[in-house]
Amino acid sequence: MITSPYSRHAQHFPDKAAIIADHQMLTYRQWDEMVRKTAAWFQAGSSKNKTAAFFLPNGIPFLLLFAGAVAAGWIAVPLDLKWKKQELSKRLQLAQPDVLITTAGFLPKVKGLHPNLLVWEEWKKDLEEVPTPVRSEVSDQSLPFYLGFTSGSTGSPKAFIRSHSSWIESFACTRCDLGIGENDHVLIPGPLLHSHFLYGAMSTLYIGGTVHLLEKFSPVKTLMKLEESPLTVMYLVPTMAEALLRENVNVPKPLKMISSGAKLETHTRQRIRKMFPNLHLYEFYGAGELSFVTFSKDDIKPDSVGRPFHNVEIQIRRKNGEICEIGEIGKIYVRSPMTFIGYIHEPGQSVQSIADDEGWITVDDLGWMDQEGNLYLAGRENNMILYGAKNIFPEEIEAVLSMHPGVEKAAVAGLKDPYWGQIPAAVIQGKASVLELKRLCKKHLASYKVPRKWFFIEEMPLTTSGKIARGELGALLEGKSAGAAL
């Protein structure tokens, strides 16, 4: 199980810091004991589905309840604090948890949503009285342990299920491909409900490193933590990198950054390297369904998303299923021991796998491979703009628009057109003139790819993982509420 090494760590280095939060530090001896107690509590309770949902802010209680539920053989379901009651209700119906745990501060947001609602501040008193049991874990690594929700960049999030074995295989990638080990101090500055940060914390604890946890992301607090603590690794998403850059400081400390959620813009990568002169920057491409797929290190191939992780196979296929030639765009298929079990589409429905008979999975991303085995993303099939008889990938146009120094964020979507079917429309956050942006596009793109309509927006709609919320963006465009068309 993903929590199995805790007892071994507690024996080998009992006084080593496992987790350091703003006001608390736990050693591996303490962490192992607390996880065992929490697991015993879950195992002692009556349950139908062995599923626990958490509506919790960042902090040690989040990690403790997640690890304790998992160690008990339960499925853990983190919920987004930004979701409204209706959104929470839909996801709770999908997950069907036996218990929903929150804090006193967040109780009003979930009151009445579940019959078995527990408040952490009250429940932890009972937990302290639980005797520390001998560790007893389920040994079947194929069992599910985590129910998450996709980021929903094109619409409503979907529930996906991951097994212990999928994350254990991913932990091997963290060691072998990303080079993170038990001597590392790892900063987790983002929300644990986001799988990138939750994985960063749980993989560090599995390996035996030290997790440094921020209750809430702040560029100032992050930089203070980097200055004051012996940090060697930091997980982040591109929006955090942009926030750090606005502080305009220099951080000479040697550091490894692990970025995901979306590819860093070229100018962002260049500026972050100046800010962190002793930086090793890792970006990886993956998805909740696929886990790790490819990774790139230090801009060796800046336009690509890198080469496959050591245990990943990739195929690029045409619509008829044939394998594409080198450099030919097709649909990306992935096969690895890290992929998810499947989706839950409706309440009470069994988990549905999307793997084919040979274990290949696609999330409908399109791309191509070069001769050296590097993967390049062309876009997502669902995002593709059908302009007459031509296919336009918004991501290609967005990359060009992002070259402009005045553009903070750029998004492109298709608008309905009676003649062409769809035309490309650009949404810009930042300060740049339409004339400048048109010139930039004409310099780098075929004429039919140059956006026909332009909208300016104060703040780009984003998902919790920092990706452009394309479903919301499309609604804004169709309603022409994003700004004035120029």
Protein backbone atom coordinates (compact mmCIF):
# COMPACT_ATOMS: atom_id res chain seq x y z
CA MET A 1 0.00 0.00 0.00
CA ILE A 2 1.10 3.58 -0.46
CA THR A 3 1.34 3.97 3.33
CA SER A 4 3.28 0.73 3.98
CA PRO A 5 6.78 2.27 4.37
CA TYR A 6 5.80 4.49 7.32
CA SER A 7 6.60 1.85 9.96
CA ARG A 8 9.94 1.14 8.33
CA HIS A 9 10.78 4.85 8.30
CA ALA A 10 9.74 5.08 11.96
CA GLN A 11 12.23 2.32 12.79
CA HIS A 12 15.11 3.53 10.62
CA PHE A 13 14.91 7.28 11.38
CA PRO A 14 12.29 7.80 14.14
CA ASP A 15 13.24 11.39 14.94
CA LYS A 16 13.51 12.59 11.36
CA ALA A 17 10.96 15.24 10.35
CA ALA A 18 8.19 13.74 8.25
CA ILE A 19 6.00 16.84 7.89
CA ILE A 20 6.68 20.47 8.75
CA ALA A 21 3.68 22.81 8.61
CA ASP A 22 3.34 26.43 9.70
CA HIS A 23 2.95 25.69 13.40
CA GLN A 24 3.76 22.01 13.79
CA MET A 25 6.39 19.37 13.07
CA LEU A 26 5.86 15.62 13.11
CA THR A 27 8.63 13.04 13.22
CA TYR A 28 8.29 9.75 11.39
CA ARG A 29 7.68 8.01 14.73
CA GLN A 30 4.79 10.38 15.46
CA TRP A 31 3.48 10.22 11.90
CA ASP A 32 3.43 6.43 11.82
CA GLU A 33 1.63 6.26 15.16
CA MET A 34 -0.99 8.84 14.15
CA VAL A 35 -1.68 7.13 10.82
CA ARG A 36 -2.10 3.77 12.56
CA LYS A 37 -4.55 5.28 15.05
CA THR A 38 -6.54 6.95 12.29
CA ALA A 39 -6.64 3.74 10.26
CA ALA A 40 -7.86 1.83 13.32
CA TRP A 41 -10.69 4.34 13.75
CA PHE A 42 -11.79 3.90 10.14
CA GLN A 43 -11.58 0.10 10.40
CA ALA A 44 -13.66 0.06 13.59
CA GLY A 45 -16.54 2.02 12.08
CA SER A 46 -19.42 0.55 10.14
CA SER A 47 -19.25 1.22 6.44
CA LYS A 48 -21.04 0.31 3.24
CA ASN A 49 -18.61 1.55 0.61
CA LYS A 50 -15.43 2.10 2.67
CA THR A 51 -15.23 5.61 1.27
CA ALA A 52 -14.45 8.84 3.14
CA ALA A 53 -14.84 12.35 1.73
CA PHE A 54 -12.80 15.30 3.04
CA PHE A 55 -13.71 18.98 2.84
CA LEU A 56 -10.58 20.32 4.47
CA PRO A 57 -8.06 23.14 4.10
CA ASN A 58 -4.36 22.45 3.64
CA GLY A 59 -2.66 21.15 6.73
CA ILE A 60 -1.53 18.07 8.59
CA PRO A 61 -5.14 16.93 9.30
CA PHE A 62 -5.75 16.63 5.54
CA LEU A 63 -2.73 14.37 5.04
CA LEU A 64 -3.46 12.41 8.22
CA LEU A 65 -7.07 11.63 7.31
CA PHE A 66 -6.11 10.79 3.74
CA ALA A 67 -3.28 8.46 4.83
CA GLY A 68 -5.34 6.93 7.65
CA ALA A 69 -8.28 6.14 5.41
CA VAL A 70 -5.98 4.67 2.78
CA ALA A 71 -4.11 2.55 5.36
CA ALA A 72 -7.49 1.20 6.51
CA GLY A 73 -8.27 0.02 2.99
CA TRP A 74 -10.76 2.81 2.35
CA ILE A 75 -11.12 5.13 -0.65
CA ALA A 76 -10.29 8.78 0.04
CA VAL A 77 -12.22 11.56 -1.74
CA PRO A 78 -10.81 15.11 -1.41
CA LEU A 79 -13.34 17.85 -2.22
CA ASP A 80 -12.63 21.32 -3.56
CA LEU A 81 -13.24 24.12 -1.05
CA LYS A 82 -14.27 26.42 -3.92
CA TRP A 83 -17.20 24.25 -4.98
CA LYS A 84 -20.69 25.52 -4.22
CA LYS A 85 -23.27 23.34 -2.43
CA GLN A 86 -24.83 22.16 -5.68
CA GLU A 87 -21.42 21.15 -7.08
CA LEU A 88 -20.53 19.37 -3.84
CA SER A 89 -23.86 17.56 -3.77
CA LYS A 90 -23.33 16.15 -7.28
CA ARG A 91 -19.87 14.88 -6.43
CA LEU A 92 -20.98 13.37 -3.15
CA GLN A 93 -23.71 11.51 -5.04
CA LEU A 94 -21.06 10.13 -7.39
CA ALA A 95 -18.64 9.13 -4.63
CA GLN A 96 -21.27 7.87 -2.13
CA PRO A 97 -18.98 8.24 0.91
CA ASP A 98 -19.80 6.68 4.27
CA VAL A 99 -18.57 9.79 6.06
CA LEU A 100 -17.83 13.43 5.25
CA ILE A 101 -15.19 15.14 7.41
CA THR A 102 -14.69 18.91 7.59
CA THR A 103 -13.53 21.60 10.01
CA ALA A 104 -15.65 23.88 12.19
CA GLY A 105 -14.83 26.80 9.91
CA PHE A 106 -16.11 25.05 6.79
CA LEU A 107 -19.07 23.30 8.42
CA PRO A 108 -21.68 25.82 7.15
CA LYS A 109 -20.71 25.07 3.53
CA VAL A 110 -21.47 21.35 3.82
CA LYS A 111 -24.16 21.22 6.50
CA GLY A 112 -27.06 19.07 5.35
CA LEU A 113 -25.13 17.46 2.48
CA HIS A 114 -24.39 14.16 4.25
CA PRO A 115 -26.04 12.26 7.13
CA ASN A 116 -22.70 11.28 8.68
CA LEU A 117 -20.90 14.61 8.95
CA LEU A 118 -17.92 14.85 11.30
CA VAL A 119 -16.05 17.95 12.47
CA TRP A 120 -12.28 17.51 12.76
CA GLU A 121 -11.88 19.58 15.95
CA GLU A 122 -14.36 17.33 17.78
CA TRP A 123 -13.29 14.07 16.17
CA LYS A 124 -9.56 14.47 16.90
CA LYS A 125 -10.28 14.28 20.66
CA ASP A 126 -11.69 10.79 20.17
CA LEU A 127 -8.71 9.92 17.99
CA GLU A 128 -6.26 10.76 20.77
CA GLU A 129 -7.90 8.12 22.98
CA VAL A 130 -7.54 5.35 20.39
CA PRO A 131 -4.74 2.96 21.46
CA THR A 132 -1.93 2.61 18.93
CA PRO A 133 -2.58 -0.70 17.17
CA VAL A 134 -0.17 -3.04 15.48
CA ARG A 135 -0.04 -2.04 11.83
CA SER A 136 -2.38 -4.19 9.78
CA GLU A 137 -2.80 -3.34 6.13
CA VAL A 138 -4.51 -4.78 3.11
CA SER A 139 -1.87 -6.30 0.85
CA ASP A 140 -3.77 -6.21 -2.45
CA GLN A 141 -2.18 -3.34 -4.38
CA SER A 142 -4.83 -3.49 -7.11
CA LEU A 143 -7.46 -2.14 -4.69
CA PRO A 144 -8.69 1.43 -5.20
CA PHE A 145 -7.65 4.08 -2.69
CA TYR A 146 -8.31 7.46 -4.30
CA LEU A 147 -11.34 8.96 -6.01
CA GLY A 148 -10.49 12.23 -7.70
CA PHE A 149 -12.13 14.54 -10.16
CA THR A 150 -10.60 15.68 -13.44
CA SER A 151 -9.92 19.40 -13.59
CA GLY A 152 -12.85 19.97 -15.91
CA SER A 153 -11.07 22.31 -18.36
CA THR A 154 -13.71 21.58 -21.01
CA GLY A 155 -16.78 21.09 -18.80
CA SER A 156 -17.90 19.29 -15.65
CA PRO A 157 -15.25 17.26 -13.80
CA LYS A 158 -15.44 13.47 -14.03
CA ALA A 159 -14.77 11.06 -11.17
CA PHE A 160 -11.78 8.80 -11.64
CA ILE A 161 -10.44 5.94 -9.51
CA ARG A 162 -6.78 5.13 -8.83
CA SER A 163 -5.28 1.96 -7.33
CA HIS A 164 -2.41 1.59 -4.86
CA SER A 165 -0.25 -0.04 -7.52
CA SER A 166 -0.68 2.92 -9.90
CA TRP A 167 0.80 5.35 -7.36
CA ILE A 168 3.49 2.92 -6.19
CA GLU A 169 4.65 2.65 -9.80
CA SER A 170 4.53 6.46 -10.00
CA PHE A 171 6.68 6.70 -6.86
CA ALA A 172 9.32 4.69 -8.73
CA CYS A 173 9.27 7.39 -11.44
CA THR A 174 9.71 10.07 -8.80
CA ARG A 175 12.85 8.28 -7.61
CA CYS A 176 14.31 7.15 -10.94
CA ASP A 177 13.30 9.83 -13.42
CA LEU A 178 12.89 12.93 -11.24
CA GLY A 179 15.71 11.98 -8.88
CA ILE A 180 13.89 12.67 -5.60
CA GLY A 181 15.03 10.66 -2.57
CA GLU A 182 14.84 10.33 1.20
CA ASN A 183 17.28 13.20 1.80
CA ASP A 184 15.10 15.73 0.01
CA HIS A 185 13.09 18.47 1.67
CA VAL A 186 10.03 19.02 -0.52
CA LEU A 187 7.88 22.16 -0.51
CA ILE A 188 4.17 21.67 -1.21
CA PRO A 189 2.82 25.23 -1.58
CA GLY A 190 -0.47 24.41 -3.31
CA PRO A 191 -3.84 22.88 -2.36
CA LEU A 192 -3.76 19.19 -1.48
CA LEU A 193 -7.11 18.66 -3.20
CA HIS A 194 -5.12 19.13 -6.42
CA SER A 195 -3.59 15.75 -7.24
CA HIS A 196 -0.23 17.30 -8.25
CA PHE A 197 0.35 18.59 -4.72
CA LEU A 198 -1.29 15.65 -2.95
CA TYR A 199 0.92 13.30 -4.95
CA GLY A 200 3.99 15.41 -4.16
CA ALA A 201 3.32 15.11 -0.43
CA MET A 202 2.38 11.42 -0.41
CA SER A 203 5.29 10.38 -2.65
CA THR A 204 7.73 12.21 -0.37
CA LEU A 205 6.36 10.41 2.69
CA TYR A 206 6.52 7.07 0.85
CA ILE A 207 10.16 7.69 -0.09
CA GLY A 208 11.11 8.97 3.37
CA GLY A 209 11.81 12.62 2.64
CA THR A 210 10.48 15.64 4.52
CA VAL A 211 7.30 17.45 3.45
CA HIS A 212 7.10 21.21 4.02
CA LEU A 213 3.48 22.28 3.80
CA LEU A 214 1.97 25.74 3.30
CA GLU A 215 -1.58 26.26 4.53
CA LYS A 216 -2.23 28.58 1.58
CA PHE A 217 -0.09 29.62 -1.36
CA SER A 218 1.46 33.04 -1.09
CA PRO A 219 4.49 34.11 -3.17
CA VAL A 220 5.90 36.03 -0.20
CA LYS A 221 5.51 33.07 2.19
CA THR A 222 6.91 30.70 -0.43
CA LEU A 223 10.04 32.82 -0.88
CA MET A 224 10.44 33.15 2.90
CA LYS A 225 10.18 29.37 3.23
CA LEU A 226 12.80 28.92 0.51
CA GLU A 227 15.13 31.28 2.35
CA GLU A 228 14.62 29.88 5.85
CA SER A 229 14.29 26.12 5.24
CA PRO A 230 16.68 23.52 3.75
CA LEU A 231 14.40 22.95 0.77
CA THR A 232 15.69 21.02 -2.24
CA VAL A 233 12.47 20.39 -4.23
CA MET A 234 9.36 22.43 -4.94
CA TYR A 235 6.14 21.35 -6.63
CA LEU A 236 4.25 24.09 -8.46
CA VAL A 237 1.92 24.97 -11.32
CA PRO A 238 2.52 27.73 -13.90
CA THR A 239 0.28 30.29 -12.19
CA MET A 240 2.49 30.02 -9.09
CA ALA A 241 5.63 30.57 -11.16
CA GLU A 242 4.09 33.76 -12.55
CA ALA A 243 3.19 34.94 -9.04
CA LEU A 244 6.76 34.32 -7.82
CA LEU A 245 8.18 36.29 -10.76
CA ARG A 246 6.16 39.35 -9.75
CA GLU A 247 8.17 39.51 -6.50
CA ASN A 248 11.26 40.37 -8.58
CA VAL A 249 13.91 38.80 -6.31
CA ASN A 250 16.90 36.51 -6.82
CA VAL A 251 17.00 33.04 -5.21
CA PRO A 252 20.53 31.55 -5.50
CA LYS A 253 19.66 28.37 -3.56
CA PRO A 254 20.04 25.12 -5.58
CA LEU A 255 16.51 23.90 -6.22
CA LYS A 256 14.57 21.36 -8.25
CA MET A 257 11.15 22.49 -9.48
CA ILE A 258 8.47 20.01 -10.55
CA SER A 259 5.86 21.77 -12.68
CA SER A 260 2.65 20.40 -14.13
CA GLY A 261 -0.93 21.36 -14.94
CA ALA A 262 0.02 23.23 -18.10
CA LYS A 263 3.27 23.87 -19.93
CA LEU A 264 5.20 26.92 -18.78
CA GLU A 265 5.28 29.71 -21.35
CA THR A 266 8.67 30.28 -22.99
CA HIS A 267 9.13 33.75 -21.46
CA THR A 268 8.09 32.41 -18.04
CA ARG A 269 10.74 29.66 -18.21
CA GLN A 270 13.39 32.18 -19.22
CA ARG A 271 12.54 34.57 -16.40
CA ILE A 272 12.24 31.84 -13.76
CA ARG A 273 15.77 30.68 -14.66
CA LYS A 274 17.10 34.18 -14.08
CA MET A 275 15.28 34.33 -10.75
CA PHE A 276 16.60 30.87 -9.75
CA PRO A 277 20.12 30.67 -11.30
CA ASN A 278 20.82 27.24 -9.73
CA LEU A 279 17.56 25.67 -10.85
CA HIS A 280 16.82 22.24 -12.28
CA LEU A 281 13.41 22.55 -13.91
CA TYR A 282 11.31 19.45 -14.57
CA GLU A 283 8.01 19.68 -16.42
CA PHE A 284 5.86 16.64 -16.94
CA TYR A 285 2.87 15.83 -19.09
CA GLY A 286 0.20 13.61 -17.63
CA ALA A 287 -3.42 13.42 -16.55
CA GLY A 288 -5.46 12.11 -13.64
CA GLU A 289 -6.35 9.13 -15.81
CA LEU A 290 -2.83 8.51 -17.13
CA SER A 291 -0.53 9.61 -14.29
CA PHE A 292 2.99 10.40 -15.53
CA VAL A 293 3.47 10.19 -19.30
CA THR A 294 6.52 12.25 -20.33
CA PHE A 295 8.96 14.62 -18.67
CA SER A 296 11.43 17.24 -19.82
CA LYS A 297 14.41 18.58 -17.94
CA ASP A 298 16.05 21.99 -18.22
CA ASP A 299 14.61 22.94 -21.63
CA ILE A 300 16.56 20.31 -23.58
CA LYS A 301 13.71 20.36 -26.13
CA PRO A 302 11.73 23.45 -25.07
CA ASP A 303 8.83 22.94 -27.50
CA SER A 304 8.26 19.32 -26.52
CA VAL A 305 6.77 17.78 -23.38
CA GLY A 306 9.74 15.44 -23.18
CA ARG A 307 10.39 11.74 -23.36
CA PRO A 308 8.35 8.95 -21.75
CA PHE A 309 8.99 7.98 -18.14
CA HIS A 310 10.92 4.73 -17.80
CA ASN A 311 7.79 2.55 -17.50
CA VAL A 312 5.60 4.27 -20.13
CA GLU A 313 4.86 3.31 -23.74
CA ILE A 314 3.38 5.79 -26.23
CA GLN A 315 1.71 5.31 -29.60
CA ILE A 316 0.50 8.03 -31.98
CA ARG A 317 -2.44 6.70 -34.00
CA ARG A 318 -4.40 7.83 -37.02
CA LYS A 319 -8.21 7.81 -36.99
CA ASN A 320 -8.21 4.36 -38.59
CA GLY A 321 -6.00 3.00 -35.79
CA GLU A 322 -2.79 2.83 -37.81
CA ILE A 323 0.45 4.04 -36.22
CA CYS A 324 1.53 7.50 -37.39
CA GLU A 325 4.88 8.24 -38.99
CA ILE A 326 7.52 10.31 -37.18
CA GLY A 327 6.34 13.93 -37.20
CA GLU A 328 2.74 13.06 -38.13
CA ILE A 329 0.00 14.36 -35.85
CA GLY A 330 -2.37 11.79 -34.41
CA LYS A 331 -4.13 10.78 -31.19
CA ILE A 332 -1.86 9.96 -28.24
CA TYR A 333 -2.30 6.51 -26.66
CA VAL A 334 -0.52 5.52 -23.45
CA ARG A 335 0.18 2.17 -21.82
CA SER A 336 1.80 1.91 -18.40
CA PRO A 337 1.29 0.35 -14.95
CA MET A 338 0.37 3.81 -13.63
CA THR A 339 -2.93 4.39 -15.44
CA PHE A 340 -6.22 4.66 -13.58
CA ILE A 341 -8.85 1.97 -13.02
CA GLY A 342 -11.67 3.89 -14.71
CA TYR A 343 -14.43 6.50 -14.46
CA ILE A 344 -17.63 6.66 -12.44
CA HIS A 345 -20.21 8.45 -14.60
CA GLU A 346 -23.41 8.00 -12.58
CA PRO A 347 -24.23 7.46 -8.88
CA GLY A 348 -24.15 3.75 -8.04
CA GLN A 349 -22.62 2.86 -11.38
CA SER A 350 -19.66 0.49 -11.48
CA VAL A 351 -16.25 1.77 -12.52
CA GLN A 352 -15.86 1.86 -16.30
CA SER A 353 -12.43 1.37 -17.85
CA ILE A 354 -11.46 3.17 -21.06
CA ALA A 355 -8.49 0.89 -21.79
CA ASP A 356 -8.59 -1.24 -24.92
CA ASP A 357 -7.93 -5.00 -24.93
CA GLU A 358 -4.16 -4.43 -24.92
CA GLY A 359 -4.21 -1.85 -22.12
CA TRP A 360 -3.85 1.32 -24.22
CA ILE A 361 -5.62 4.48 -23.00
CA THR A 362 -6.25 7.89 -24.58
CA VAL A 363 -7.67 11.11 -23.14
CA ASP A 364 -8.04 12.48 -26.69
CA ASP A 365 -4.90 14.60 -26.72
CA LEU A 366 -3.27 14.99 -30.13
CA GLY A 367 0.46 15.12 -30.78
CA TRP A 368 3.48 13.80 -32.64
CA MET A 369 6.87 12.25 -31.91
CA ASP A 370 10.29 13.22 -33.24
CA GLN A 371 13.09 10.83 -34.16
CA GLU A 372 14.62 11.09 -30.68
CA GLY A 373 11.42 9.95 -28.97
CA ASN A 374 10.29 13.37 -27.72
CA LEU A 375 6.54 14.00 -27.61
CA TYR A 376 4.98 17.23 -28.88
CA LEU A 377 1.40 18.22 -28.08
CA ALA A 378 -0.72 19.61 -30.91
CA GLY A 379 -3.84 20.09 -28.80
CA ARG A 380 -6.89 18.25 -27.59
CA GLU A 381 -9.32 16.78 -30.09
CA ASN A 382 -12.27 18.40 -28.31
CA ASN A 383 -10.61 21.85 -28.55
CA MET A 384 -9.91 21.65 -32.29
CA ILE A 385 -11.43 24.44 -34.40
CA LEU A 386 -12.99 23.29 -37.68
CA TYR A 387 -12.35 26.20 -40.04
CA GLY A 388 -13.83 25.18 -43.38
CA ALA A 389 -11.91 22.05 -44.39
CA LYS A 390 -8.95 22.90 -42.15
CA ASN A 391 -8.21 21.89 -38.56
CA ILE A 392 -6.84 24.57 -36.25
CA PHE A 393 -5.29 23.74 -32.87
CA PRO A 394 -5.89 26.57 -30.35
CA GLU A 395 -2.77 25.63 -28.41
CA GLU A 396 -0.55 26.50 -31.40
CA ILE A 397 -2.01 30.02 -31.62
CA GLU A 398 -1.87 30.45 -27.83
CA ALA A 399 1.85 29.66 -27.85
CA VAL A 400 2.46 32.44 -30.39
CA LEU A 401 0.29 34.98 -28.56
CA SER A 402 2.17 34.23 -25.33
CA MET A 403 5.41 35.40 -26.97
CA HIS A 404 4.20 38.99 -26.62
CA PRO A 405 5.65 40.49 -23.40
CA GLY A 406 2.38 42.23 -22.60
CA VAL A 407 0.31 39.04 -22.70
CA GLU A 408 -0.17 37.46 -19.27
CA LYS A 409 -2.49 34.68 -20.50
CA ALA A 410 -3.91 33.83 -23.89
CA ALA A 411 -6.68 31.46 -24.92
CA VAL A 412 -8.16 30.65 -28.31
CA ALA A 413 -11.51 29.04 -29.02
CA GLY A 414 -13.81 28.52 -31.98
CA LEU A 415 -16.76 30.82 -32.57
CA LYS A 416 -19.66 29.69 -34.76
CA ASP A 417 -19.61 31.20 -38.24
CA PRO A 418 -22.30 30.70 -40.93
CA TYR A 419 -19.74 30.44 -43.74
CA TRP A 420 -16.63 28.81 -42.26
CA GLY A 421 -18.33 26.72 -39.59
CA GLN A 422 -15.99 28.08 -36.92
CA ILE A 423 -13.51 30.93 -36.77
CA PRO A 424 -10.65 31.31 -34.25
CA ALA A 425 -11.26 33.92 -31.53
CA ALA A 426 -8.58 35.05 -29.08
CA VAL A 427 -9.09 35.98 -25.44
CA ILE A 428 -6.27 38.01 -23.93
CA GLN A 429 -5.40 38.83 -20.33
CA GLY A 430 -2.79 41.58 -20.30
CA LYS A 431 -1.80 44.72 -22.14
CA ALA A 432 -1.24 44.42 -25.87
CA SER A 433 -2.84 45.97 -28.94
CA VAL A 434 -4.73 43.93 -31.48
CA LEU A 435 -2.47 45.29 -34.22
CA GLU A 436 0.66 44.03 -32.42
CA LEU A 437 -0.87 40.63 -31.81
CA LYS A 438 -2.06 40.29 -35.40
CA ARG A 439 1.44 41.11 -36.67
CA LEU A 440 2.93 38.53 -34.32
CA CYS A 441 0.50 35.86 -35.50
CA LYS A 442 1.07 36.65 -39.19
CA LYS A 443 4.82 36.30 -38.63
CA HIS A 444 4.56 32.81 -37.12
CA LEU A 445 1.29 31.32 -38.40
CA ALA A 446 -0.54 30.59 -41.62
CA SER A 447 -3.04 33.34 -42.42
CA TYR A 448 -6.11 31.17 -41.72
CA LYS A 449 -4.87 30.59 -38.14
CA VAL A 450 -4.80 34.30 -37.27
CA PRO A 451 -7.73 35.01 -34.88
CA ARG A 452 -10.65 36.78 -36.55
CA LYS A 453 -12.08 38.17 -33.32
CA TRP A 454 -10.35 39.53 -30.25
CA PHE A 455 -11.59 39.82 -26.69
CA PHE A 456 -9.85 41.28 -23.66
CA ILE A 457 -10.54 40.05 -20.15
CA GLU A 458 -9.37 41.11 -16.69
CA GLU A 459 -8.89 37.57 -15.39
CA MET A 460 -8.79 34.33 -17.35
CA PRO A 461 -11.12 31.59 -16.01
CA LEU A 462 -8.94 28.77 -14.68
CA THR A 463 -9.49 25.31 -13.22
CA THR A 464 -8.11 24.37 -9.79
CA SER A 465 -5.02 22.95 -11.52
CA GLY A 466 -4.26 26.23 -13.28
CA LYS A 467 -5.48 25.19 -16.73
CA ILE A 468 -7.71 27.41 -18.85
CA ALA A 469 -11.34 26.55 -18.10
CA ARG A 470 -12.32 26.11 -21.75
CA GLY A 471 -15.95 25.25 -21.04
CA GLU A 472 -16.44 28.50 -19.14
CA LEU A 473 -14.43 30.40 -21.74
CA GLY A 474 -16.63 29.12 -24.56
CA ALA A 475 -19.74 30.31 -22.74
CA LEU A 476 -18.16 33.74 -22.26
CA LEU A 477 -17.32 33.99 -25.94
CA GLU A 478 -20.71 32.86 -27.19
CA GLY A 479 -22.36 35.36 -24.88
CA LYS A 480 -19.83 38.05 -25.83
CA SER A 481 -19.38 38.83 -22.16
CA ALA A 482 -15.60 38.46 -22.12
CA GLY A 483 -15.04 42.03 -23.23
CA ALA A 484 -15.40 44.20 -26.27
CA ALA A 485 -14.85 42.61 -29.66
CA LEU A 486 -12.28 44.62 -31.61
